[in-house]
Amino acid sequence: MQSYLGCDAHKHYSVFVTVDERGRASKPVRIEHNVAAYRRYFDTLPAGAEIALEATGHWCWIVDLMEQAGHRPHLANALEAKKRMGKTHKTDALDAKGLAILLRCGTLPESWIPPGQLRDQRELLRTRMVLRDPRTALKHRIHSAIDRYGLHATGITDIFGVKGRAYIAETLPNLPPETARMVALELDCIDQLSVKLLPGKTSSVQCAPTR
């Protein structure tokens, strides 16, 4: 007889409930977030078990273990799943049972689960986005420092291009000492972030030493 499992995953533990084809639910099983404990539990399940869990912040490693054990995970849109369950007074067991029932009935609001390699590769883009924002903020600060002292470059479209960096190097001695020192520091940070974002591409212009 086909069984359907719901997994209500929390930060330190998960609760599993199994629902059979007739809609009968098992007692909830709590598994602490320990890889060995998960593997032991998954080994007790029928081969190729269907398991529904919500797309929380730590679903990746749980799905990895499910796939390694030969089971079939189903990732649910958490907000939509809760709407379809329609329960106001919920417990971990009720949430897990609700996911299992939605999976059994074919009404689970599923999200696509990328292959394991792609899940890992997505971290490249996430990290790039995180590094991009502070680099942009640093560039704004340098623009502001140069404008503050009336030294804005004319005729240079990109102050961080080759010509722009040469201009900044020439301009640093005309800035107050601490401002010049901070601009040089910010440029160094931009270069380091650029190396991480665009490996192999660094500025060919070095700023003159500050006073």
N, C-alpha and C. Protein backbone atom coordinates (compact mmCIF):
# COMPACT_ATOMS: atom_id res chain seq x y z
N MET A 1 0.85 -1.20 0.00
CA MET A 1 0.00 0.00 0.00
C MET A 1 0.88 1.25 0.00
N GLN A 2 0.55 2.19 -0.88
CA GLN A 2 1.32 3.42 -1.01
C GLN A 2 1.18 4.29 0.23
N SER A 3 2.28 4.85 0.67
CA SER A 3 2.27 5.75 1.82
C SER A 3 2.81 7.11 1.41
N TYR A 4 2.32 8.13 2.09
CA TYR A 4 2.74 9.51 1.82
C TYR A 4 3.18 10.13 3.14
N LEU A 5 4.33 10.79 3.12
CA LEU A 5 4.87 11.37 4.34
C LEU A 5 4.88 12.89 4.25
N GLY A 6 4.60 13.51 5.39
CA GLY A 6 4.76 14.94 5.52
C GLY A 6 5.84 15.22 6.54
N CYS A 7 6.68 16.20 6.26
CA CYS A 7 7.79 16.55 7.15
C CYS A 7 7.64 18.01 7.55
N ASP A 8 7.41 18.25 8.83
CA ASP A 8 7.37 19.63 9.35
C ASP A 8 8.75 19.92 9.93
N ALA A 9 9.58 20.62 9.15
CA ALA A 9 10.97 20.84 9.53
C ALA A 9 11.14 22.14 10.29
N HIS A 10 11.84 22.06 11.42
CA HIS A 10 12.20 23.23 12.21
C HIS A 10 13.72 23.38 12.19
N LYS A 11 14.23 24.28 13.02
CA LYS A 11 15.66 24.54 13.00
C LYS A 11 16.46 23.39 13.59
N HIS A 12 15.94 22.77 14.64
CA HIS A 12 16.71 21.73 15.34
C HIS A 12 16.10 20.34 15.25
N TYR A 13 14.91 20.23 14.71
CA TYR A 13 14.27 18.91 14.60
C TYR A 13 13.19 18.96 13.53
N SER A 14 12.72 17.79 13.14
CA SER A 14 11.61 17.66 12.20
C SER A 14 10.63 16.62 12.72
N VAL A 15 9.38 16.79 12.34
CA VAL A 15 8.34 15.83 12.71
C VAL A 15 7.77 15.22 11.43
N PHE A 16 7.71 13.89 11.38
CA PHE A 16 7.19 13.17 10.22
C PHE A 16 5.87 12.48 10.59
N VAL A 17 4.93 12.54 9.66
CA VAL A 17 3.67 11.80 9.78
C VAL A 17 3.41 11.10 8.46
N THR A 18 3.02 9.82 8.54
CA THR A 18 2.72 9.03 7.34
C THR A 18 1.22 8.88 7.19
N VAL A 19 0.74 9.08 5.98
CA VAL A 19 -0.68 8.88 5.66
C VAL A 19 -0.77 7.83 4.57
N ASP A 20 -1.63 6.80 4.77
CA ASP A 20 -1.74 5.75 3.76
C ASP A 20 -2.80 6.12 2.72
N GLU A 21 -3.05 5.21 1.79
CA GLU A 21 -3.97 5.49 0.69
C GLU A 21 -5.39 5.73 1.17
N ARG A 22 -5.73 5.21 2.32
CA ARG A 22 -7.08 5.41 2.87
C ARG A 22 -7.18 6.66 3.75
N GLY A 23 -6.05 7.38 3.88
CA GLY A 23 -6.09 8.61 4.67
C GLY A 23 -5.81 8.41 6.14
N ARG A 24 -5.43 7.22 6.52
CA ARG A 24 -5.13 6.96 7.93
C ARG A 24 -3.72 7.43 8.25
N ALA A 25 -3.60 8.18 9.33
CA ALA A 25 -2.31 8.78 9.69
C ALA A 25 -1.61 8.00 10.78
N SER A 26 -0.30 7.95 10.70
CA SER A 26 0.52 7.29 11.73
C SER A 26 0.76 8.24 12.89
N LYS A 27 1.35 7.72 13.93
CA LYS A 27 1.79 8.59 15.01
C LYS A 27 2.97 9.43 14.53
N PRO A 28 3.07 10.66 15.01
CA PRO A 28 4.19 11.51 14.58
C PRO A 28 5.53 10.97 15.07
N VAL A 29 6.53 11.13 14.25
CA VAL A 29 7.89 10.72 14.60
C VAL A 29 8.78 11.96 14.58
N ARG A 30 9.42 12.23 15.71
CA ARG A 30 10.31 13.39 15.80
C ARG A 30 11.76 12.95 15.59
N ILE A 31 12.44 13.63 14.67
CA ILE A 31 13.84 13.33 14.37
C ILE A 31 14.67 14.58 14.64
N GLU A 32 15.66 14.44 15.51
CA GLU A 32 16.55 15.57 15.77
C GLU A 32 17.41 15.82 14.53
N HIS A 33 17.78 17.07 14.34
CA HIS A 33 18.57 17.40 13.15
C HIS A 33 20.01 16.92 13.30
N ASN A 34 20.15 15.66 13.00
CA ASN A 34 21.42 14.98 13.04
C ASN A 34 21.47 14.07 11.82
N VAL A 35 22.51 14.18 11.03
CA VAL A 35 22.57 13.44 9.77
C VAL A 35 22.41 11.94 9.99
N ALA A 36 23.10 11.42 11.00
CA ALA A 36 23.02 9.98 11.26
C ALA A 36 21.60 9.56 11.64
N ALA A 37 20.92 10.39 12.44
CA ALA A 37 19.55 10.08 12.85
C ALA A 37 18.61 10.08 11.65
N TYR A 38 18.79 11.03 10.76
CA TYR A 38 17.97 11.08 9.55
C TYR A 38 18.19 9.84 8.69
N ARG A 39 19.44 9.48 8.52
CA ARG A 39 19.73 8.32 7.67
C ARG A 39 19.11 7.05 8.24
N ARG A 40 19.19 6.92 9.57
CA ARG A 40 18.58 5.74 10.21
C ARG A 40 17.08 5.72 9.97
N TYR A 41 16.45 6.88 10.08
CA TYR A 41 15.00 6.95 9.88
C TYR A 41 14.64 6.67 8.43
N PHE A 42 15.34 7.26 7.50
CA PHE A 42 15.03 7.05 6.10
C PHE A 42 15.23 5.60 5.69
N ASP A 43 16.15 4.92 6.36
CA ASP A 43 16.37 3.50 6.05
C ASP A 43 15.19 2.63 6.47
N THR A 44 14.35 3.12 7.38
CA THR A 44 13.18 2.36 7.82
C THR A 44 11.98 2.52 6.89
N LEU A 45 12.05 3.49 5.98
CA LEU A 45 10.92 3.77 5.10
C LEU A 45 10.94 2.85 3.88
N PRO A 46 9.77 2.63 3.27
CA PRO A 46 9.72 1.84 2.03
C PRO A 46 10.54 2.52 0.95
N ALA A 47 11.09 1.74 0.05
CA ALA A 47 11.92 2.30 -1.02
C ALA A 47 11.11 3.29 -1.85
N GLY A 48 11.73 4.40 -2.18
CA GLY A 48 11.07 5.40 -3.02
C GLY A 48 9.91 6.10 -2.37
N ALA A 49 9.99 6.29 -1.05
CA ALA A 49 8.90 6.94 -0.33
C ALA A 49 8.69 8.37 -0.82
N GLU A 50 7.42 8.79 -0.90
CA GLU A 50 7.06 10.15 -1.29
C GLU A 50 7.00 11.00 -0.03
N ILE A 51 7.80 12.08 0.02
CA ILE A 51 7.89 12.89 1.24
C ILE A 51 7.72 14.36 0.88
N ALA A 52 6.77 15.01 1.54
CA ALA A 52 6.53 16.43 1.32
C ALA A 52 7.12 17.24 2.47
N LEU A 53 7.79 18.32 2.15
CA LEU A 53 8.29 19.24 3.17
C LEU A 53 8.22 20.65 2.61
N GLU A 54 8.16 21.61 3.53
CA GLU A 54 8.03 23.00 3.12
C GLU A 54 9.39 23.57 2.74
N ALA A 55 9.34 24.59 1.87
CA ALA A 55 10.57 25.24 1.40
C ALA A 55 11.07 26.23 2.44
N THR A 56 11.59 25.71 3.54
CA THR A 56 12.17 26.55 4.58
C THR A 56 13.64 26.79 4.27
N GLY A 57 14.33 27.56 5.13
CA GLY A 57 15.70 27.94 4.86
C GLY A 57 16.71 26.82 4.92
N HIS A 58 16.34 25.65 5.45
CA HIS A 58 17.31 24.57 5.60
C HIS A 58 16.83 23.28 4.93
N TRP A 59 16.05 23.42 3.86
CA TRP A 59 15.52 22.23 3.21
C TRP A 59 16.57 21.48 2.39
N CYS A 60 17.61 22.18 1.94
CA CYS A 60 18.56 21.57 0.99
C CYS A 60 19.20 20.30 1.53
N TRP A 61 19.73 20.37 2.75
CA TRP A 61 20.45 19.20 3.26
C TRP A 61 19.50 18.05 3.55
N ILE A 62 18.24 18.39 3.93
CA ILE A 62 17.26 17.33 4.18
C ILE A 62 16.90 16.64 2.88
N VAL A 63 16.69 17.42 1.82
CA VAL A 63 16.40 16.85 0.51
C VAL A 63 17.58 16.01 0.02
N ASP A 64 18.80 16.50 0.26
CA ASP A 64 19.98 15.72 -0.12
C ASP A 64 19.93 14.33 0.49
N LEU A 65 19.62 14.26 1.78
CA LEU A 65 19.58 12.97 2.47
C LEU A 65 18.43 12.10 1.96
N MET A 66 17.29 12.73 1.67
CA MET A 66 16.17 11.97 1.12
C MET A 66 16.55 11.34 -0.21
N GLU A 67 17.20 12.12 -1.06
CA GLU A 67 17.58 11.62 -2.38
C GLU A 67 18.65 10.54 -2.27
N GLN A 68 19.60 10.74 -1.36
CA GLN A 68 20.64 9.73 -1.15
C GLN A 68 20.05 8.41 -0.68
N ALA A 69 18.94 8.48 0.06
CA ALA A 69 18.29 7.26 0.56
C ALA A 69 17.35 6.64 -0.47
N GLY A 70 17.23 7.29 -1.63
CA GLY A 70 16.39 6.72 -2.68
C GLY A 70 14.94 7.13 -2.59
N HIS A 71 14.62 8.15 -1.79
CA HIS A 71 13.23 8.60 -1.66
C HIS A 71 12.95 9.76 -2.60
N ARG A 72 11.67 10.16 -2.67
CA ARG A 72 11.26 11.21 -3.60
C ARG A 72 10.72 12.41 -2.82
N PRO A 73 11.53 13.42 -2.63
CA PRO A 73 11.07 14.61 -1.91
C PRO A 73 10.18 15.49 -2.79
N HIS A 74 9.24 16.16 -2.14
CA HIS A 74 8.37 17.13 -2.80
C HIS A 74 8.42 18.41 -1.99
N LEU A 75 8.85 19.48 -2.62
CA LEU A 75 9.03 20.76 -1.92
C LEU A 75 7.77 21.59 -2.07
N ALA A 76 7.20 22.02 -0.94
CA ALA A 76 5.94 22.75 -0.95
C ALA A 76 6.14 24.23 -0.70
N ASN A 77 5.37 25.04 -1.38
CA ASN A 77 5.28 26.47 -1.08
C ASN A 77 4.62 26.60 0.28
N ALA A 78 5.39 27.07 1.28
CA ALA A 78 4.91 27.03 2.66
C ALA A 78 3.63 27.83 2.86
N LEU A 79 3.57 29.04 2.34
CA LEU A 79 2.39 29.90 2.54
C LEU A 79 1.15 29.30 1.90
N GLU A 80 1.31 28.84 0.66
CA GLU A 80 0.15 28.27 -0.04
C GLU A 80 -0.29 26.96 0.60
N ALA A 81 0.67 26.17 1.07
CA ALA A 81 0.32 24.90 1.72
C ALA A 81 -0.51 25.15 2.98
N LYS A 82 -0.11 26.14 3.77
CA LYS A 82 -0.86 26.45 4.99
C LYS A 82 -2.27 26.91 4.66
N LYS A 83 -2.44 27.67 3.58
CA LYS A 83 -3.78 28.09 3.18
C LYS A 83 -4.64 26.89 2.82
N ARG A 84 -4.06 25.94 2.12
CA ARG A 84 -4.82 24.77 1.69
C ARG A 84 -5.13 23.83 2.84
N MET A 85 -4.27 23.82 3.86
CA MET A 85 -4.58 23.01 5.05
C MET A 85 -5.78 23.58 5.79
N GLY A 86 -5.87 24.89 5.85
CA GLY A 86 -7.02 25.54 6.46
C GLY A 86 -7.15 25.34 7.95
N LYS A 87 -6.04 25.16 8.66
CA LYS A 87 -6.09 24.96 10.11
C LYS A 87 -5.62 26.22 10.81
N THR A 88 -6.31 26.58 11.90
CA THR A 88 -5.90 27.76 12.68
C THR A 88 -5.10 27.35 13.91
N HIS A 89 -5.49 26.26 14.56
CA HIS A 89 -4.76 25.77 15.73
C HIS A 89 -3.92 24.58 15.28
N LYS A 90 -2.62 24.85 15.08
CA LYS A 90 -1.78 23.84 14.49
C LYS A 90 -0.69 23.39 15.44
N THR A 91 -0.26 22.17 15.24
CA THR A 91 0.90 21.63 15.93
C THR A 91 1.85 21.09 14.88
N ASP A 92 3.04 20.70 15.30
CA ASP A 92 3.99 20.11 14.35
C ASP A 92 3.38 18.88 13.67
N ALA A 93 2.71 18.06 14.47
CA ALA A 93 2.13 16.84 13.93
C ALA A 93 1.02 17.15 12.92
N LEU A 94 0.20 18.16 13.22
CA LEU A 94 -0.87 18.52 12.29
C LEU A 94 -0.30 19.09 10.99
N ASP A 95 0.75 19.88 11.10
CA ASP A 95 1.38 20.41 9.90
C ASP A 95 1.95 19.28 9.03
N ALA A 96 2.64 18.34 9.67
CA ALA A 96 3.21 17.22 8.93
C ALA A 96 2.10 16.38 8.29
N LYS A 97 1.03 16.14 9.05
CA LYS A 97 -0.09 15.37 8.52
C LYS A 97 -0.74 16.11 7.36
N GLY A 98 -0.88 17.43 7.51
CA GLY A 98 -1.50 18.22 6.44
C GLY A 98 -0.70 18.15 5.15
N LEU A 99 0.63 18.20 5.25
CA LEU A 99 1.46 18.09 4.06
C LEU A 99 1.30 16.71 3.41
N ALA A 100 1.26 15.68 4.25
CA ALA A 100 1.10 14.32 3.73
C ALA A 100 -0.24 14.17 3.01
N ILE A 101 -1.30 14.76 3.57
CA ILE A 101 -2.63 14.67 2.95
C ILE A 101 -2.66 15.41 1.62
N LEU A 102 -2.07 16.60 1.59
CA LEU A 102 -2.01 17.35 0.33
C LEU A 102 -1.26 16.55 -0.74
N LEU A 103 -0.18 15.90 -0.32
CA LEU A 103 0.60 15.09 -1.26
C LEU A 103 -0.23 13.90 -1.75
N ARG A 104 -0.94 13.26 -0.84
CA ARG A 104 -1.80 12.11 -1.18
C ARG A 104 -2.91 12.50 -2.15
N CYS A 105 -3.47 13.69 -1.93
CA CYS A 105 -4.60 14.12 -2.76
C CYS A 105 -4.17 14.78 -4.07
N GLY A 106 -2.85 14.98 -4.23
CA GLY A 106 -2.37 15.63 -5.45
C GLY A 106 -2.59 17.12 -5.46
N THR A 107 -2.78 17.73 -4.28
CA THR A 107 -3.03 19.17 -4.20
C THR A 107 -1.90 19.91 -3.51
N LEU A 108 -0.74 19.28 -3.35
CA LEU A 108 0.40 19.94 -2.73
C LEU A 108 0.92 21.03 -3.67
N PRO A 109 1.04 22.28 -3.19
CA PRO A 109 1.57 23.35 -4.04
C PRO A 109 3.09 23.22 -4.17
N GLU A 110 3.52 22.49 -5.16
CA GLU A 110 4.94 22.12 -5.26
C GLU A 110 5.80 23.20 -5.89
N SER A 111 7.02 23.29 -5.39
CA SER A 111 8.06 24.11 -6.00
C SER A 111 9.09 23.17 -6.61
N TRP A 112 9.70 23.62 -7.69
CA TRP A 112 10.70 22.79 -8.37
C TRP A 112 11.93 22.60 -7.50
N ILE A 113 12.42 21.38 -7.44
CA ILE A 113 13.65 21.08 -6.72
C ILE A 113 14.77 20.93 -7.75
N PRO A 114 15.71 21.86 -7.79
CA PRO A 114 16.81 21.75 -8.76
C PRO A 114 17.68 20.54 -8.42
N PRO A 115 18.37 19.98 -9.41
CA PRO A 115 19.32 18.89 -9.14
C PRO A 115 20.38 19.35 -8.13
N GLY A 116 20.98 18.39 -7.44
CA GLY A 116 21.95 18.70 -6.40
C GLY A 116 23.08 19.60 -6.87
N GLN A 117 23.62 19.33 -8.06
CA GLN A 117 24.73 20.14 -8.57
C GLN A 117 24.29 21.58 -8.80
N LEU A 118 23.08 21.76 -9.33
CA LEU A 118 22.57 23.10 -9.58
C LEU A 118 22.28 23.83 -8.27
N ARG A 119 21.79 23.10 -7.26
CA ARG A 119 21.56 23.73 -5.96
C ARG A 119 22.86 24.31 -5.42
N ASP A 120 23.95 23.58 -5.62
CA ASP A 120 25.26 24.06 -5.17
C ASP A 120 25.72 25.25 -6.00
N GLN A 121 25.54 25.19 -7.31
CA GLN A 121 26.00 26.26 -8.19
C GLN A 121 25.24 27.56 -7.96
N ARG A 122 24.02 27.48 -7.48
CA ARG A 122 23.25 28.69 -7.20
C ARG A 122 23.93 29.56 -6.14
N GLU A 123 24.76 28.95 -5.32
CA GLU A 123 25.46 29.72 -4.29
C GLU A 123 26.41 30.73 -4.93
N LEU A 124 26.89 30.44 -6.14
CA LEU A 124 27.76 31.39 -6.84
C LEU A 124 27.03 32.70 -7.08
N LEU A 125 25.80 32.62 -7.57
CA LEU A 125 25.03 33.82 -7.85
C LEU A 125 24.64 34.54 -6.57
N ARG A 126 24.24 33.78 -5.55
CA ARG A 126 23.86 34.42 -4.29
C ARG A 126 25.04 35.20 -3.70
N THR A 127 26.22 34.59 -3.72
CA THR A 127 27.39 35.26 -3.17
C THR A 127 27.77 36.47 -4.00
N ARG A 128 27.66 36.35 -5.30
CA ARG A 128 27.96 37.49 -6.17
C ARG A 128 27.06 38.67 -5.85
N MET A 129 25.79 38.40 -5.61
CA MET A 129 24.84 39.47 -5.28
C MET A 129 25.19 40.12 -3.95
N VAL A 130 25.62 39.31 -2.98
CA VAL A 130 26.00 39.84 -1.68
C VAL A 130 27.24 40.73 -1.78
N LEU A 131 28.21 40.31 -2.61
CA LEU A 131 29.43 41.08 -2.76
C LEU A 131 29.23 42.33 -3.61
N ARG A 132 28.26 42.28 -4.51
CA ARG A 132 28.03 43.41 -5.41
C ARG A 132 27.54 44.65 -4.67
N ASP A 133 26.66 44.48 -3.71
CA ASP A 133 26.05 45.62 -3.03
C ASP A 133 27.06 46.47 -2.26
N PRO A 134 27.94 45.87 -1.44
CA PRO A 134 28.93 46.73 -0.77
C PRO A 134 29.91 47.38 -1.73
N ARG A 135 30.21 46.73 -2.85
CA ARG A 135 31.09 47.35 -3.84
C ARG A 135 30.43 48.61 -4.42
N THR A 136 29.15 48.54 -4.69
CA THR A 136 28.42 49.70 -5.20
C THR A 136 28.40 50.82 -4.16
N ALA A 137 28.19 50.45 -2.90
CA ALA A 137 28.17 51.46 -1.83
C ALA A 137 29.52 52.15 -1.71
N LEU A 138 30.60 51.41 -1.85
CA LEU A 138 31.94 51.99 -1.77
C LEU A 138 32.19 52.97 -2.93
N LYS A 139 31.71 52.61 -4.10
CA LYS A 139 31.87 53.51 -5.24
C LYS A 139 31.11 54.82 -5.01
N HIS A 140 29.92 54.74 -4.43
CA HIS A 140 29.15 55.95 -4.13
C HIS A 140 29.90 56.83 -3.13
N ARG A 141 30.54 56.20 -2.16
CA ARG A 141 31.29 56.97 -1.16
C ARG A 141 32.47 57.71 -1.80
N ILE A 142 33.14 57.06 -2.74
CA ILE A 142 34.28 57.70 -3.40
C ILE A 142 33.81 58.87 -4.27
N HIS A 143 32.72 58.65 -5.00
CA HIS A 143 32.14 59.75 -5.78
C HIS A 143 31.82 60.93 -4.87
N SER A 144 31.22 60.63 -3.73
CA SER A 144 30.82 61.69 -2.79
C SER A 144 32.03 62.44 -2.24
N ALA A 145 33.09 61.70 -1.89
CA ALA A 145 34.29 62.33 -1.34
C ALA A 145 34.94 63.27 -2.35
N ILE A 146 35.01 62.84 -3.61
CA ILE A 146 35.61 63.68 -4.65
C ILE A 146 34.75 64.91 -4.93
N ASP A 147 33.43 64.71 -4.99
CA ASP A 147 32.53 65.84 -5.24
C ASP A 147 32.54 66.83 -4.08
N ARG A 148 32.73 66.31 -2.87
CA ARG A 148 32.70 67.17 -1.68
C ARG A 148 33.77 68.25 -1.73
N TYR A 149 34.86 67.95 -2.40
CA TYR A 149 35.96 68.91 -2.45
C TYR A 149 36.14 69.50 -3.85
N GLY A 150 35.07 69.45 -4.66
CA GLY A 150 35.08 70.10 -5.96
C GLY A 150 36.09 69.56 -6.94
N LEU A 151 36.37 68.27 -6.85
CA LEU A 151 37.41 67.69 -7.71
C LEU A 151 36.83 66.69 -8.71
N HIS A 152 35.55 66.80 -8.97
CA HIS A 152 34.91 65.84 -9.88
C HIS A 152 35.54 65.89 -11.27
N ALA A 153 35.80 64.73 -11.84
CA ALA A 153 36.45 64.63 -13.15
C ALA A 153 35.46 65.00 -14.25
N THR A 154 35.91 65.78 -15.20
CA THR A 154 35.08 66.12 -16.36
C THR A 154 35.62 65.36 -17.57
N GLY A 155 34.68 64.90 -18.39
CA GLY A 155 35.08 64.18 -19.59
C GLY A 155 35.40 62.72 -19.35
N ILE A 156 35.23 62.23 -18.13
CA ILE A 156 35.48 60.82 -17.82
C ILE A 156 34.14 60.18 -17.47
N THR A 157 33.70 59.26 -18.27
CA THR A 157 32.39 58.64 -18.06
C THR A 157 32.40 57.62 -16.93
N ASP A 158 33.51 56.92 -16.77
CA ASP A 158 33.61 55.90 -15.71
C ASP A 158 34.82 56.20 -14.85
N ILE A 159 34.56 56.72 -13.68
CA ILE A 159 35.66 57.10 -12.80
C ILE A 159 36.42 55.88 -12.28
N PHE A 160 35.86 54.70 -12.46
CA PHE A 160 36.53 53.48 -12.01
C PHE A 160 37.12 52.68 -13.16
N GLY A 161 37.09 53.28 -14.36
CA GLY A 161 37.77 52.68 -15.49
C GLY A 161 39.26 53.04 -15.45
N VAL A 162 39.98 52.75 -16.52
CA VAL A 162 41.43 53.00 -16.55
C VAL A 162 41.72 54.49 -16.39
N LYS A 163 41.06 55.34 -17.21
CA LYS A 163 41.29 56.78 -17.11
C LYS A 163 40.81 57.33 -15.77
N GLY A 164 39.68 56.82 -15.31
CA GLY A 164 39.14 57.28 -14.04
C GLY A 164 40.04 56.96 -12.86
N ARG A 165 40.59 55.75 -12.86
CA ARG A 165 41.48 55.37 -11.77
C ARG A 165 42.76 56.20 -11.79
N ALA A 166 43.23 56.51 -13.00
CA ALA A 166 44.40 57.38 -13.10
C ALA A 166 44.09 58.77 -12.54
N TYR A 167 42.88 59.23 -12.82
CA TYR A 167 42.47 60.54 -12.30
C TYR A 167 42.39 60.52 -10.77
N ILE A 168 41.83 59.45 -10.21
CA ILE A 168 41.74 59.35 -8.76
C ILE A 168 43.14 59.36 -8.14
N ALA A 169 44.07 58.63 -8.77
CA ALA A 169 45.44 58.59 -8.25
C ALA A 169 46.06 59.99 -8.23
N GLU A 170 45.77 60.79 -9.27
CA GLU A 170 46.29 62.15 -9.32
C GLU A 170 45.59 63.08 -8.32
N THR A 171 44.35 62.74 -8.02
CA THR A 171 43.52 63.61 -7.17
C THR A 171 43.76 63.38 -5.69
N LEU A 172 44.16 62.19 -5.30
CA LEU A 172 44.32 61.87 -3.88
C LEU A 172 45.15 62.90 -3.11
N PRO A 173 46.29 63.35 -3.64
CA PRO A 173 47.09 64.33 -2.88
C PRO A 173 46.37 65.65 -2.63
N ASN A 174 45.30 65.92 -3.40
CA ASN A 174 44.57 67.17 -3.25
C ASN A 174 43.43 67.06 -2.24
N LEU A 175 43.21 65.87 -1.73
CA LEU A 175 42.18 65.65 -0.72
C LEU A 175 42.78 65.80 0.68
N PRO A 176 41.96 66.15 1.67
CA PRO A 176 42.45 66.17 3.05
C PRO A 176 42.99 64.79 3.43
N PRO A 177 43.95 64.74 4.33
CA PRO A 177 44.66 63.48 4.62
C PRO A 177 43.76 62.30 4.95
N GLU A 178 42.84 62.46 5.89
CA GLU A 178 42.01 61.31 6.28
C GLU A 178 41.03 60.93 5.18
N THR A 179 40.52 61.92 4.47
CA THR A 179 39.63 61.61 3.35
C THR A 179 40.39 60.82 2.28
N ALA A 180 41.61 61.27 1.97
CA ALA A 180 42.43 60.57 0.98
C ALA A 180 42.73 59.15 1.43
N ARG A 181 43.02 59.00 2.72
CA ARG A 181 43.34 57.66 3.24
C ARG A 181 42.14 56.73 3.13
N MET A 182 40.94 57.26 3.41
CA MET A 182 39.74 56.45 3.33
C MET A 182 39.39 56.11 1.88
N VAL A 183 39.60 57.06 0.96
CA VAL A 183 39.35 56.77 -0.45
C VAL A 183 40.28 55.67 -0.93
N ALA A 184 41.56 55.73 -0.55
CA ALA A 184 42.51 54.68 -0.92
C ALA A 184 42.09 53.34 -0.34
N LEU A 185 41.61 53.35 0.89
CA LEU A 185 41.16 52.11 1.53
C LEU A 185 39.94 51.55 0.80
N GLU A 186 39.01 52.44 0.45
CA GLU A 186 37.80 52.00 -0.25
C GLU A 186 38.13 51.45 -1.63
N LEU A 187 39.10 52.07 -2.31
CA LEU A 187 39.53 51.55 -3.61
C LEU A 187 40.12 50.15 -3.47
N ASP A 188 40.89 49.94 -2.42
CA ASP A 188 41.48 48.63 -2.18
C ASP A 188 40.39 47.59 -1.93
N CYS A 189 39.37 47.98 -1.17
CA CYS A 189 38.25 47.06 -0.91
C CYS A 189 37.51 46.73 -2.21
N ILE A 190 37.32 47.75 -3.06
CA ILE A 190 36.66 47.52 -4.35
C ILE A 190 37.46 46.53 -5.18
N ASP A 191 38.78 46.70 -5.20
CA ASP A 191 39.63 45.79 -5.97
C ASP A 191 39.51 44.36 -5.45
N GLN A 192 39.49 44.21 -4.14
CA GLN A 192 39.41 42.87 -3.57
C GLN A 192 38.06 42.23 -3.89
N LEU A 193 36.99 43.03 -3.80
CA LEU A 193 35.67 42.49 -4.13
C LEU A 193 35.58 42.16 -5.61
N SER A 194 36.22 43.00 -6.46
CA SER A 194 36.19 42.75 -7.90
C SER A 194 36.91 41.45 -8.25
N VAL A 195 37.98 41.15 -7.54
CA VAL A 195 38.69 39.89 -7.77
C VAL A 195 37.76 38.71 -7.49
N LYS A 196 36.94 38.83 -6.44
CA LYS A 196 36.02 37.75 -6.10
C LYS A 196 34.88 37.65 -7.11
N LEU A 197 34.40 38.82 -7.57
CA LEU A 197 33.28 38.84 -8.51
C LEU A 197 33.72 38.48 -9.93
N LEU A 198 34.88 39.01 -10.34
CA LEU A 198 35.39 38.79 -11.69
C LEU A 198 36.82 38.30 -11.61
N PRO A 199 37.04 37.03 -11.32
CA PRO A 199 38.41 36.51 -11.19
C PRO A 199 39.25 36.82 -12.42
N GLY A 200 40.47 37.27 -12.17
CA GLY A 200 41.38 37.56 -13.26
C GLY A 200 41.33 38.99 -13.74
N LYS A 201 40.35 39.77 -13.21
CA LYS A 201 40.23 41.16 -13.63
C LYS A 201 40.49 42.08 -12.45
N THR A 202 41.59 42.76 -12.47
CA THR A 202 41.93 43.72 -11.43
C THR A 202 42.32 45.02 -12.07
N SER A 203 42.33 46.07 -11.28
CA SER A 203 42.70 47.37 -11.81
C SER A 203 44.17 47.40 -12.19
N SER A 204 44.46 48.03 -13.33
CA SER A 204 45.85 48.14 -13.78
C SER A 204 46.49 49.42 -13.28
N VAL A 205 45.72 50.26 -12.56
CA VAL A 205 46.21 51.53 -12.09
C VAL A 205 46.30 51.50 -10.58
N GLN A 206 47.45 51.81 -10.03
CA GLN A 206 47.64 51.86 -8.60
C GLN A 206 47.61 53.30 -8.13
N CYS A 207 46.95 53.54 -7.01
CA CYS A 207 46.86 54.90 -6.48
C CYS A 207 48.17 55.29 -5.83
N ALA A 208 48.46 56.57 -5.89
CA ALA A 208 49.67 57.06 -5.24
C ALA A 208 49.53 56.96 -3.74
N PRO A 209 50.63 56.76 -3.00
CA PRO A 209 50.56 56.69 -1.55
C PRO A 209 49.97 57.97 -0.98
N THR A 210 49.20 57.84 0.08
CA THR A 210 48.62 59.00 0.74
C THR A 210 49.57 59.54 1.74
N ARG A 211 49.32 60.78 2.15
CA ARG A 211 50.20 61.43 3.11
C ARG A 211 50.02 60.81 4.49
